[in-house]
Amino acid sequence: MTKRTLTTLHPLPKAVDFFMISGFSTRSNLAFSFTPFLLNFQQWLINRNVGIHVVGGFVRDLYLGRCPKDLDLLVDGDVEDLGHDIARTFGGVFIKPGDRHSIVKVVFERHGLFLDLTPLKTTLQENLRARDFTIDALALPIQDLTRADWKSFVIDFTGGVEDLARKLIKITGASVIESDPLRMLRAVRLAKELDFTLETTTESYIKKHSSCIDLVATERIRDEFLAILSLNHSKDSLSKLDDLGLLCRIIPELHFAKEVDQPREHYWDVFNHTIESVGEVELITDRDETKQSMCDIYWDDRIEEYFRRPLTLGYDRRTFVKLGALFHDIGKPHTKTNDEFGRTRFLGHDKRGAAIAGRRMKLLRFSSKAIKFVELMVGHHLRPFQLTNSPNLPTKKAVYRLYRDLGIEATGILFLGLADYRAARGPLMDIEDWEHKVEIVNHALVTYKEWNKKTKEARLLTGHDLINIFRIEPGPQFGPLLDGVEEAWLSGAIRTRIDAIGWMRGRLNIK
C-alpha cells in the first residue's frame, strides 16, 4: 500500500506574490520583503494625493504572519475612477460588482493580487467601528505599509490589536449583527480559520439572536456554510453552530435526529453520530500518516486528485463528501421501527435520506451538480460493506458493479463508508473489525486502479461487432451487452476476443 506523506490533502490558498515574508520566528517579529510591483504600486497611490488606508483582513493577517489573499483599500475619493486608472496603469482587470456597497475590484492575475476599493463615506473612525469584528477593524495608512515599524502606525479604535493577542473573535458592537446576521456564521468560520475563540459577550449575543439568520439571503448562507465545512476540524465548527442555535436553522431536518437512539452497535445517537461522521471523513482523507493510528488506508495520486478536484462553487470533492456525511443518516428519524424482537431498524433510510438531502439543498440554492453528488453519497452510503456478506473480500464482479453504477464517485462513497463505521462505533470500535473494513475498501480501490489500466486497451467487442458479427440492430440493448462483456473481462471470466465472442453467443443463445 502507498504510504501517506506529511503534506496536507488540500493545496494551500493561492499565494500572493506581491510581498514575501522573509522570516517569522515569532508572530510579533515579522520581516516583510515587498516585491517591486507592490512598491511601485504603493508609490503610485501616494502620488495620487488621496487619503488611502489599508484595512481589514490584510492588516490582521500581517499581524498574524499569514499570507493575505486580498488587499483592501479604504479610499477618501472616487473609487471607480481610481479603479479604472489602476487597471490601465498596472494591467489589471476592473470589475464593478454593482451592489449597494459601491465597492469596486481590480484583479491582477499575474501578480496574484486581488484589490478591493471601498469609498470612505463617513469618518475613518465611524467606518472602522461599523466593521464586524475588532480584529478586522484595523487601518494602516498606505504610505506606512512598507515601513519596518508599520505596527506603530496602525489605527485601532476598537481594541483589535489586543484581541489579536488574546486570540478572540469579538464583535465591534451589537448593531453589526443586526445589520448583517450572516456575520454570526462568519464569526464561527473565522474562529476556526484563525484558531481563535469567540469572546463571551459575542457568543451570548449570537445565541440570543440566532433566529436572525433566517433574514439572510439563502445563497449567502450556503456560501458561508460551505466555507466553514471546507476547513479542517469542521466537526468542531458544526458543534459550535449547534450550540449557538444556528445549525438547525440552516438544516432544520437535523433537529429531528437529536436523541434518536440507535442499536447497540452505535455509540452515539443519530445527531451526534452525524456530526462525528464529518470529522471522520476529515481524518481518513488527511494525508498526515500520524493520524492513521490503526491501519493504513490505500492512497495514491489518483485518490488525492479525486478529493482535491473542484466539484462546484469553487469547493473540492472532499468538502462535498463531508456534506454528504452530514446528511447521510438524515432519513433515520423518519424510518425508525422496532421489529418483533425489539431490535431497532431504519429500513430504507438511505433512499429517504437522499430525497431529504436533495430537497434541503435545493432550498439552499445548491447547483444541480452538487445536489446529485450528495444524493448519490447519501443514497448509496451503505454499499461499501454490502459488497460482501462473508469474511472474504468482495468479488471483482461486485466491485465492478459498484463502479459501474456509481462511476468515479464510488471512491468518495467508499471513504464515506469507512467514516460512517468509525463514527458508529466510536470508542467501542473493534480494531480487527476496523482492519477488515479497511481491507474491503482497499481491495475495491486497488481493483479499480487495475481496471483503469486495463480499460485503456481496446475493448474486446464493440458496437460494430454486435452489428457485423451478431446482426443486432443498434438500440438500447447495446449498452448492457457491452457492459456485460467488460464485466466478464475485468473479472477474469474471459481473456481474449475469441472468449468474448463465445461469451456473447451464449448471452444471445446463439449456437
Protein backbone atom coordinates (compact mmCIF):
# COMPACT_ATOMS: atom_id res chain seq x y z
CA MET A 1 0.00 0.00 0.00
CA THR A 2 1.13 3.52 -0.74
CA LYS A 3 2.35 5.32 2.35
CA ARG A 4 0.81 8.68 3.15
CA THR A 5 3.11 11.67 3.13
CA LEU A 6 3.20 14.53 5.58
CA THR A 7 1.77 17.05 3.16
CA THR A 8 -1.83 18.16 3.55
CA LEU A 9 -4.54 16.96 1.21
CA HIS A 10 -5.63 20.42 0.12
CA PRO A 11 -3.37 22.80 -1.77
CA LEU A 12 -2.64 25.95 0.15
CA PRO A 13 -4.56 29.04 -0.96
CA LYS A 14 -3.02 30.66 -3.99
CA ALA A 15 -0.01 32.54 -2.66
CA VAL A 16 0.13 36.22 -3.41
CA ASP A 17 3.44 37.27 -4.86
CA PHE A 18 3.12 40.98 -4.22
CA PHE A 19 5.02 40.52 -0.98
CA MET A 20 7.13 37.85 0.64
CA ILE A 21 7.55 37.08 4.31
CA SER A 22 11.28 36.91 4.67
CA GLY A 23 11.24 35.50 8.15
CA PHE A 24 8.93 34.91 11.08
CA SER A 25 10.44 33.17 14.05
CA THR A 26 7.64 34.60 16.19
CA ARG A 27 4.40 36.28 15.27
CA SER A 28 5.45 39.51 16.96
CA ASN A 29 8.67 39.88 14.96
CA LEU A 30 7.89 39.73 11.27
CA ALA A 31 10.09 40.99 8.50
CA PHE A 32 8.34 41.65 5.20
CA SER A 33 10.14 41.99 1.90
CA PHE A 34 7.80 43.58 -0.65
CA THR A 35 8.17 42.93 -4.36
CA PRO A 36 8.99 45.77 -6.76
CA PHE A 37 5.43 45.56 -8.10
CA LEU A 38 3.86 46.45 -4.75
CA LEU A 39 6.48 49.11 -4.01
CA ASN A 40 5.75 50.79 -7.34
CA PHE A 41 2.02 50.42 -6.77
CA GLN A 42 2.29 51.93 -3.29
CA GLN A 43 4.27 54.93 -4.55
CA TRP A 44 1.78 55.48 -7.37
CA LEU A 45 -1.06 55.58 -4.84
CA ILE A 46 0.84 58.00 -2.61
CA ASN A 47 1.41 60.32 -5.57
CA ARG A 48 -2.35 60.50 -6.17
CA ASN A 49 -2.63 62.64 -3.01
CA VAL A 50 -5.79 60.80 -1.97
CA GLY A 51 -6.41 59.57 1.54
CA ILE A 52 -5.98 55.79 1.32
CA HIS A 53 -5.81 53.24 4.14
CA VAL A 54 -5.14 49.51 4.03
CA VAL A 55 -7.91 47.98 6.14
CA GLY A 56 -9.49 44.79 7.38
CA GLY A 57 -8.17 41.29 6.92
CA PHE A 58 -4.95 42.40 5.24
CA VAL A 59 -3.75 44.24 8.36
CA ARG A 60 -4.97 41.41 10.59
CA ASP A 61 -3.06 38.84 8.56
CA LEU A 62 0.12 40.93 8.67
CA TYR A 63 -0.06 40.76 12.46
CA LEU A 64 -0.62 37.00 12.40
CA GLY A 65 2.08 36.21 9.86
CA ARG A 66 -0.47 34.83 7.43
CA CYS A 67 -0.31 35.36 3.70
CA PRO A 68 -3.09 37.84 2.85
CA LYS A 69 -5.27 36.92 -0.10
CA ASP A 70 -6.68 40.36 -0.83
CA LEU A 71 -5.60 43.97 -0.48
CA ASP A 72 -8.49 46.05 0.86
CA LEU A 73 -8.17 49.81 0.43
CA LEU A 74 -10.43 52.43 2.01
CA VAL A 75 -10.41 55.46 -0.28
CA ASP A 76 -11.39 59.05 0.54
CA GLY A 77 -12.40 59.75 -3.04
CA ASP A 78 -13.96 58.30 -6.20
CA VAL A 79 -13.15 54.57 -6.22
CA GLU A 80 -14.49 53.98 -9.71
CA ASP A 81 -12.15 56.49 -11.33
CA LEU A 82 -9.25 55.24 -9.21
CA GLY A 83 -10.03 51.63 -10.08
CA HIS A 84 -10.03 52.35 -13.81
CA ASP A 85 -6.73 54.22 -13.52
CA ILE A 86 -5.12 51.38 -11.55
CA ALA A 87 -6.29 48.79 -14.09
CA ARG A 88 -4.98 50.83 -17.03
CA THR A 89 -1.66 51.70 -15.41
CA PHE A 90 -0.79 48.31 -13.99
CA GLY A 91 -2.53 45.95 -16.40
CA GLY A 92 -5.33 44.75 -14.15
CA VAL A 93 -8.95 43.86 -14.81
CA PHE A 94 -11.53 46.33 -13.48
CA ILE A 95 -14.70 44.81 -12.00
CA LYS A 96 -17.73 46.66 -10.68
CA PRO A 97 -19.97 44.18 -8.83
CA GLY A 98 -22.92 46.57 -8.98
CA ASP A 99 -24.12 46.04 -5.41
CA ARG A 100 -25.25 48.68 -2.98
CA HIS A 101 -21.87 48.89 -1.23
CA SER A 102 -20.18 50.70 -4.16
CA ILE A 103 -17.07 48.53 -3.85
CA VAL A 104 -15.01 48.07 -6.99
CA LYS A 105 -12.40 45.41 -7.64
CA VAL A 106 -9.21 45.21 -9.66
CA VAL A 107 -7.66 41.81 -10.31
CA PHE A 108 -4.00 41.25 -11.22
CA GLU A 109 -3.85 37.55 -12.02
CA ARG A 110 -0.16 37.61 -12.95
CA HIS A 111 0.78 39.03 -9.56
CA GLY A 112 -1.86 37.13 -7.60
CA LEU A 113 -3.26 40.45 -6.34
CA PHE A 114 -6.98 40.90 -5.68
CA LEU A 115 -7.71 44.52 -4.87
CA ASP A 116 -10.90 45.86 -3.26
CA LEU A 117 -11.54 49.62 -3.27
CA THR A 118 -14.18 50.94 -0.87
CA PRO A 119 -15.24 54.60 -0.68
CA LEU A 120 -14.97 56.35 2.68
CA LYS A 121 -18.47 57.76 3.13
CA THR A 122 -18.12 58.73 6.78
CA THR A 123 -15.15 59.39 9.03
CA LEU A 124 -12.41 56.79 9.32
CA GLN A 125 -13.40 56.10 12.92
CA GLU A 126 -17.06 55.59 12.03
CA ASN A 127 -16.09 53.28 9.18
CA LEU A 128 -13.87 51.09 11.33
CA ARG A 129 -16.37 50.92 14.19
CA ALA A 130 -19.03 49.76 11.74
CA ARG A 131 -16.95 46.72 10.72
CA ASP A 132 -17.87 43.28 12.02
CA PHE A 133 -15.05 42.19 14.32
CA THR A 134 -12.45 44.15 16.22
CA ILE A 135 -9.57 42.23 14.64
CA ASP A 136 -10.81 43.37 11.21
CA ALA A 137 -11.39 46.97 12.29
CA LEU A 138 -7.75 47.99 11.82
CA ALA A 139 -6.35 50.52 9.36
CA LEU A 140 -2.87 51.39 8.13
CA PRO A 141 -2.10 54.48 6.00
CA ILE A 142 -0.87 53.41 2.58
CA GLN A 143 2.36 55.39 2.96
CA ASP A 144 3.25 53.39 6.09
CA LEU A 145 2.55 49.92 4.71
CA THR A 146 6.15 49.07 3.81
CA ARG A 147 7.81 50.67 6.83
CA ALA A 148 9.79 48.40 9.14
CA ASP A 149 7.89 49.88 12.10
CA TRP A 150 4.47 49.68 10.41
CA LYS A 151 2.80 48.49 13.62
CA SER A 152 3.38 51.90 15.17
CA PHE A 153 1.08 53.45 12.57
CA VAL A 154 -1.85 51.02 12.82
CA ILE A 155 -5.11 52.80 13.66
CA ASP A 156 -7.21 50.85 16.16
CA PHE A 157 -10.38 52.30 17.70
CA THR A 158 -11.91 49.02 18.96
CA GLY A 159 -9.09 47.13 20.70
CA GLY A 160 -8.47 44.83 17.76
CA VAL A 161 -4.73 44.57 18.33
CA GLU A 162 -5.32 43.43 21.89
CA ASP A 163 -7.92 40.90 20.73
CA LEU A 164 -5.40 39.55 18.20
CA ALA A 165 -3.01 38.96 21.06
CA ARG A 166 -5.77 37.31 23.11
CA LYS A 167 -6.92 35.26 20.07
CA LEU A 168 -10.50 36.43 20.39
CA ILE A 169 -13.28 36.96 17.87
CA LYS A 170 -15.25 39.92 19.20
CA ILE A 171 -17.93 41.99 17.51
CA THR A 172 -17.40 45.74 17.39
CA GLY A 173 -20.96 46.29 18.61
CA ALA A 174 -24.45 44.80 18.68
CA SER A 175 -25.51 46.69 15.58
CA VAL A 176 -23.12 44.78 13.30
CA ILE A 177 -25.10 41.55 13.77
CA GLU A 178 -28.40 43.37 13.33
CA SER A 179 -27.20 44.98 10.10
CA ASP A 180 -25.98 41.66 8.67
CA PRO A 181 -26.83 38.47 10.62
CA LEU A 182 -24.58 36.43 8.31
CA ARG A 183 -21.75 37.70 10.49
CA MET A 184 -22.81 35.11 13.06
CA LEU A 185 -21.67 32.37 10.68
CA ARG A 186 -18.59 34.33 9.73
CA ALA A 187 -17.64 34.55 13.41
CA VAL A 188 -17.62 30.76 13.65
CA ARG A 189 -15.65 30.38 10.42
CA LEU A 190 -13.08 33.00 11.38
CA ALA A 191 -12.61 31.44 14.82
CA LYS A 192 -11.80 28.07 13.26
CA GLU A 193 -9.73 29.51 10.43
CA LEU A 194 -7.53 31.51 12.82
CA ASP A 195 -7.69 29.06 15.74
CA PHE A 196 -9.33 31.78 17.84
CA THR A 197 -12.14 31.68 20.40
CA LEU A 198 -15.46 33.51 20.37
CA GLU A 199 -15.44 36.23 23.02
CA THR A 200 -18.03 35.52 25.74
CA THR A 201 -20.29 38.51 25.11
CA THR A 202 -20.16 37.91 21.35
CA GLU A 203 -21.13 34.26 21.81
CA SER A 204 -24.03 35.18 24.09
CA TYR A 205 -25.26 37.77 21.64
CA ILE A 206 -25.20 35.29 18.76
CA LYS A 207 -27.16 32.74 20.80
CA LYS A 208 -29.76 35.37 21.65
CA HIS A 209 -30.17 36.48 18.04
CA SER A 210 -29.63 33.18 16.20
CA SER A 211 -33.12 33.37 14.67
CA CYS A 212 -31.99 36.44 12.71
CA ILE A 213 -30.08 34.12 10.37
CA ASP A 214 -33.46 33.45 8.73
CA LEU A 215 -33.36 37.01 7.37
CA VAL A 216 -30.23 36.38 5.30
CA ALA A 217 -30.37 35.50 1.61
CA THR A 218 -30.20 31.74 1.15
CA GLU A 219 -27.25 31.88 -1.25
CA ARG A 220 -25.15 33.81 1.26
CA ILE A 221 -25.90 31.28 4.00
CA ARG A 222 -24.98 28.44 1.64
CA ASP A 223 -21.66 30.04 0.71
CA GLU A 224 -20.63 30.77 4.30
CA PHE A 225 -21.70 27.31 5.44
CA LEU A 226 -19.60 25.69 2.71
CA ALA A 227 -16.66 27.87 3.72
CA ILE A 228 -16.99 26.53 7.27
CA LEU A 229 -17.31 22.94 6.07
CA SER A 230 -14.24 23.27 3.85
CA LEU A 231 -11.97 23.97 6.82
CA ASN A 232 -10.29 21.24 8.82
CA HIS A 233 -11.83 20.42 12.20
CA SER A 234 -15.22 21.39 10.79
CA LYS A 235 -16.80 18.90 13.21
CA ASP A 236 -15.98 21.36 15.99
CA SER A 237 -17.46 24.21 13.95
CA LEU A 238 -20.68 22.25 13.40
CA SER A 239 -20.92 21.59 17.13
CA LYS A 240 -20.38 25.28 17.79
CA LEU A 241 -23.08 26.20 15.26
CA ASP A 242 -25.41 23.84 17.09
CA ASP A 243 -24.52 25.31 20.49
CA LEU A 244 -25.27 28.78 19.11
CA GLY A 245 -28.65 27.67 17.74
CA LEU A 246 -27.64 28.16 14.11
CA LEU A 247 -27.10 24.67 12.67
CA CYS A 248 -30.71 23.51 12.74
CA ARG A 249 -31.85 26.81 11.32
CA ILE A 250 -29.69 26.15 8.29
CA ILE A 251 -30.61 22.45 8.06
CA PRO A 252 -33.84 22.08 10.09
CA GLU A 253 -34.04 18.33 9.37
CA LEU A 254 -31.08 17.76 11.68
CA HIS A 255 -33.25 18.73 14.64
CA PHE A 256 -35.27 15.53 14.26
CA ALA A 257 -32.07 13.46 14.52
CA LYS A 258 -31.41 14.61 18.07
CA GLU A 259 -31.89 11.99 20.79
CA VAL A 260 -32.87 9.34 18.24
CA ASP A 261 -31.38 6.20 19.79
CA GLN A 262 -29.65 3.59 17.67
CA PRO A 263 -28.86 -0.13 18.09
CA ARG A 264 -26.07 -1.08 20.47
CA GLU A 265 -23.61 -1.18 17.57
CA HIS A 266 -23.74 2.62 17.64
CA TYR A 267 -22.09 4.66 20.37
CA TRP A 268 -23.93 7.93 19.64
CA ASP A 269 -27.49 8.91 18.81
CA VAL A 270 -28.25 9.80 15.20
CA PHE A 271 -27.45 13.50 15.52
CA ASN A 272 -24.11 13.13 17.26
CA HIS A 273 -23.17 10.22 15.00
CA THR A 274 -23.79 12.50 12.04
CA ILE A 275 -21.51 15.23 13.40
CA GLU A 276 -18.83 12.65 14.22
CA SER A 277 -19.05 11.28 10.67
CA VAL A 278 -17.97 14.64 9.26
CA GLY A 279 -14.89 14.57 11.48
CA GLU A 280 -14.10 11.02 10.44
CA VAL A 281 -14.22 11.96 6.74
CA GLU A 282 -11.54 14.53 7.51
CA LEU A 283 -9.48 12.02 9.45
CA ILE A 284 -9.41 9.31 6.82
CA THR A 285 -8.80 11.72 3.94
CA ASP A 286 -5.97 13.53 5.70
CA ARG A 287 -2.60 12.50 4.31
CA ASP A 288 -0.80 13.03 7.59
CA GLU A 289 0.00 9.40 8.43
CA THR A 290 0.45 10.21 12.13
CA LYS A 291 -3.35 10.33 12.33
CA GLN A 292 -3.72 6.82 10.97
CA SER A 293 -3.14 5.07 14.27
CA MET A 294 -4.78 1.74 13.44
CA CYS A 295 -4.40 0.83 9.81
CA ASP A 296 -3.18 2.30 6.57
CA ILE A 297 -5.90 3.16 4.09
CA TYR A 298 -4.83 2.86 0.48
CA TRP A 299 -3.93 6.19 -1.05
CA ASP A 300 -2.37 7.26 -4.32
CA ASP A 301 -2.18 10.34 -6.53
CA ARG A 302 -5.40 9.37 -8.28
CA ILE A 303 -7.33 9.33 -5.00
CA GLU A 304 -5.74 12.58 -3.88
CA GLU A 305 -6.77 14.17 -7.16
CA TYR A 306 -10.31 12.87 -6.69
CA PHE A 307 -10.76 14.60 -3.33
CA ARG A 308 -8.91 17.75 -4.36
CA ARG A 309 -10.76 18.24 -7.66
CA PRO A 310 -13.30 21.10 -7.54
CA LEU A 311 -16.91 19.98 -7.80
CA THR A 312 -18.83 23.27 -7.85
CA LEU A 313 -18.87 26.75 -6.29
CA GLY A 314 -15.08 26.58 -6.04
CA TYR A 315 -15.10 23.80 -3.41
CA ASP A 316 -13.47 20.40 -3.76
CA ARG A 317 -15.00 16.96 -3.53
CA ARG A 318 -13.69 16.48 -0.01
CA THR A 319 -15.93 19.32 1.17
CA PHE A 320 -18.95 17.79 -0.53
CA VAL A 321 -18.20 14.31 0.83
CA LYS A 322 -18.27 15.96 4.26
CA LEU A 323 -21.62 17.48 3.35
CA GLY A 324 -22.75 14.00 2.34
CA ALA A 325 -21.64 12.74 5.75
CA LEU A 326 -23.70 15.46 7.43
CA PHE A 327 -26.78 14.32 5.50
CA HIS A 328 -26.11 10.58 5.32
CA ASP A 329 -28.42 9.46 8.17
CA ILE A 330 -30.93 12.29 7.95
CA GLY A 331 -33.57 9.78 6.88
CA LYS A 332 -33.28 7.69 10.06
CA PRO A 333 -35.77 9.62 12.23
CA HIS A 334 -38.42 9.02 9.54
CA THR A 335 -37.76 5.29 9.08
CA LYS A 336 -37.17 4.09 12.65
CA THR A 337 -39.07 0.92 13.60
CA ASN A 338 -38.74 -1.89 16.12
CA ASP A 339 -39.19 -5.49 15.00
CA GLU A 340 -40.87 -8.29 16.95
CA PHE A 341 -37.61 -8.96 18.80
CA GLY A 342 -37.30 -5.35 19.91
CA ARG A 343 -34.46 -4.59 17.52
CA THR A 344 -34.30 -1.09 16.08
CA ARG A 345 -34.36 -0.83 12.31
CA PHE A 346 -34.01 2.06 9.86
CA LEU A 347 -35.03 0.28 6.69
CA GLY A 348 -34.78 2.48 3.62
CA HIS A 349 -33.20 5.38 5.47
CA ASP A 350 -30.56 5.73 2.76
CA LYS A 351 -33.05 6.41 -0.03
CA ARG A 352 -35.30 8.50 2.21
CA GLY A 353 -32.29 10.48 3.34
CA ALA A 354 -31.17 11.14 -0.23
CA ALA A 355 -34.56 12.67 -1.01
CA ILE A 356 -34.49 14.81 2.14
CA ALA A 357 -30.96 15.98 1.41
CA GLY A 358 -31.87 16.87 -2.15
CA ARG A 359 -34.87 18.95 -1.06
CA ARG A 360 -32.89 20.85 1.56
CA MET A 361 -30.01 21.53 -0.81
CA LYS A 362 -32.45 22.79 -3.43
CA LEU A 363 -33.87 25.22 -0.87
CA LEU A 364 -30.30 26.33 -0.11
CA ARG A 365 -29.83 27.05 -3.82
CA PHE A 366 -27.13 24.46 -4.46
CA SER A 367 -26.37 23.62 -8.06
CA SER A 368 -27.91 20.52 -9.60
CA LYS A 369 -24.41 19.04 -9.81
CA ALA A 370 -23.88 19.42 -6.05
CA ILE A 371 -27.34 18.07 -5.28
CA LYS A 372 -26.85 14.98 -7.43
CA PHE A 373 -23.45 14.36 -5.84
CA VAL A 374 -24.77 14.48 -2.26
CA GLU A 375 -27.88 12.47 -3.16
CA LEU A 376 -25.55 9.80 -4.55
CA MET A 377 -23.42 9.83 -1.39
CA VAL A 378 -26.42 9.56 0.91
CA GLY A 379 -28.41 7.12 -1.19
CA HIS A 380 -25.52 4.66 -1.53
CA HIS A 381 -23.55 5.13 1.71
CA LEU A 382 -24.38 1.57 2.82
CA ARG A 383 -22.99 -0.10 -0.30
CA PRO A 384 -19.28 -0.39 0.62
CA PHE A 385 -19.95 -3.05 3.22
CA GLN A 386 -22.75 -4.68 1.27
CA LEU A 387 -20.14 -5.76 -1.28
CA THR A 388 -19.61 -8.97 0.67
CA ASN A 389 -21.56 -10.85 3.33
CA SER A 390 -18.67 -13.10 4.26
CA PRO A 391 -15.25 -12.69 5.85
CA ASN A 392 -13.84 -12.86 2.33
CA LEU A 393 -13.05 -9.84 0.22
CA PRO A 394 -15.59 -8.74 -2.41
CA THR A 395 -15.52 -10.44 -5.77
CA LYS A 396 -14.24 -8.49 -8.74
CA LYS A 397 -17.74 -8.62 -10.15
CA ALA A 398 -19.16 -6.91 -7.05
CA VAL A 399 -16.54 -4.16 -7.23
CA TYR A 400 -17.13 -3.75 -10.95
CA ARG A 401 -20.86 -3.26 -10.37
CA LEU A 402 -20.19 -0.69 -7.67
CA TYR A 403 -18.13 1.45 -10.04
CA ARG A 404 -20.43 0.72 -12.96
CA ASP A 405 -23.40 2.07 -11.01
CA LEU A 406 -21.69 4.99 -9.28
CA GLY A 407 -18.81 5.89 -11.55
CA ILE A 408 -15.82 7.64 -10.04
CA GLU A 409 -17.97 8.81 -7.10
CA ALA A 410 -17.75 5.24 -5.79
CA THR A 411 -14.36 6.34 -4.44
CA GLY A 412 -15.97 9.00 -2.26
CA ILE A 413 -18.64 6.57 -1.12
CA LEU A 414 -16.02 4.00 -0.09
CA PHE A 415 -14.35 6.58 2.14
CA LEU A 416 -17.72 7.73 3.46
CA GLY A 417 -18.42 4.11 4.38
CA LEU A 418 -15.26 3.98 6.47
CA ALA A 419 -16.11 7.29 8.13
CA ASP A 420 -19.62 6.06 8.89
CA TYR A 421 -18.27 2.91 10.52
CA ARG A 422 -15.77 4.79 12.70
CA ALA A 423 -18.41 7.29 13.77
CA ALA A 424 -20.83 4.46 14.59
CA ARG A 425 -18.50 2.54 16.86
CA GLY A 426 -16.61 5.45 18.38
CA PRO A 427 -14.51 4.40 21.38
CA LEU A 428 -16.07 0.92 21.26
CA MET A 429 -14.54 0.13 17.88
CA ASP A 430 -13.03 -3.32 17.47
CA ILE A 431 -9.62 -3.00 15.80
CA GLU A 432 -9.85 -6.31 13.93
CA ASP A 433 -13.26 -5.39 12.55
CA TRP A 434 -11.94 -1.97 11.51
CA GLU A 435 -8.97 -3.55 9.76
CA HIS A 436 -11.32 -5.85 7.85
CA LYS A 437 -13.38 -2.86 6.75
CA VAL A 438 -10.20 -1.18 5.54
CA GLU A 439 -9.24 -4.36 3.65
CA ILE A 440 -12.58 -4.29 1.84
CA VAL A 441 -12.16 -0.66 0.82
CA ASN A 442 -8.50 -1.11 -0.12
CA HIS A 443 -9.41 -4.12 -2.26
CA ALA A 444 -12.05 -2.11 -4.10
CA LEU A 445 -9.73 0.87 -4.63
CA VAL A 446 -6.84 -1.25 -5.89
CA THR A 447 -9.11 -3.37 -8.10
CA TYR A 448 -10.50 -0.23 -9.70
CA LYS A 449 -6.98 1.10 -10.25
CA GLU A 450 -6.02 -2.11 -12.07
CA TRP A 451 -9.13 -1.87 -14.20
CA ASN A 452 -8.24 1.67 -15.20
CA LYS A 453 -5.01 0.32 -16.66
CA LYS A 454 -6.85 -2.47 -18.46
CA THR A 455 -9.58 -0.32 -19.92
CA LYS A 456 -7.01 1.84 -21.69
CA GLU A 457 -6.66 -1.12 -24.02
CA ALA A 458 -9.17 -1.62 -26.86
CA ARG A 459 -12.47 -3.28 -25.99
CA LEU A 460 -12.72 -6.95 -26.85
CA LEU A 461 -16.03 -6.27 -28.57
CA THR A 462 -17.54 -3.06 -29.90
CA GLY A 463 -20.90 -1.91 -31.18
CA HIS A 464 -19.69 -2.58 -34.71
CA ASP A 465 -19.06 -6.21 -33.73
CA LEU A 466 -22.62 -6.54 -32.45
CA ILE A 467 -23.87 -5.31 -35.82
CA ASN A 468 -21.45 -7.16 -38.11
CA ILE A 469 -20.97 -10.46 -36.26
CA PHE A 470 -24.27 -10.91 -34.45
CA ARG A 471 -26.53 -8.94 -36.82
CA ILE A 472 -28.07 -6.91 -34.00
CA GLU A 473 -29.79 -3.65 -34.89
CA PRO A 474 -28.43 -0.63 -32.98
CA GLY A 475 -30.56 0.15 -29.95
CA PRO A 476 -30.73 0.45 -26.15
CA GLN A 477 -29.65 -3.17 -25.71
CA PHE A 478 -26.11 -2.33 -26.86
CA GLY A 479 -25.11 -0.76 -23.54
CA PRO A 480 -25.98 -3.71 -21.28
CA LEU A 481 -24.46 -6.21 -23.73
CA LEU A 482 -21.13 -4.39 -23.99
CA ASP A 483 -21.11 -3.76 -20.23
CA GLY A 484 -21.58 -7.48 -19.72
CA VAL A 485 -18.54 -8.25 -21.89
CA GLU A 486 -16.45 -5.72 -19.98
CA GLU A 487 -17.59 -7.09 -16.62
CA ALA A 488 -16.70 -10.63 -17.67
CA TRP A 489 -13.31 -9.44 -18.95
CA LEU A 490 -12.42 -7.43 -15.85
CA SER A 491 -13.50 -10.25 -13.55
CA GLY A 492 -11.25 -12.68 -15.44
CA ALA A 493 -14.06 -14.84 -16.84
CA ILE A 494 -12.87 -14.10 -20.38
CA ARG A 495 -9.45 -13.01 -21.61
CA THR A 496 -9.41 -12.83 -25.41
CA ARG A 497 -11.56 -11.62 -28.27
CA ILE A 498 -12.39 -15.26 -29.09
CA ASP A 499 -13.57 -15.69 -25.49
CA ALA A 500 -15.68 -12.55 -25.80
CA ILE A 501 -17.37 -13.76 -28.99
CA GLY A 502 -18.13 -17.08 -27.32
CA TRP A 503 -19.48 -15.29 -24.24
CA MET A 504 -21.74 -13.13 -26.40
CA ARG A 505 -23.04 -16.16 -28.32
CA GLY A 506 -24.01 -17.70 -25.01
CA ARG A 507 -25.66 -14.50 -23.85
CA LEU A 508 -27.69 -14.30 -27.05
CA ASN A 509 -28.42 -18.05 -27.09
CA ILE A 510 -26.67 -18.42 -30.45
CA LYS A 511 -25.19 -21.86 -31.14
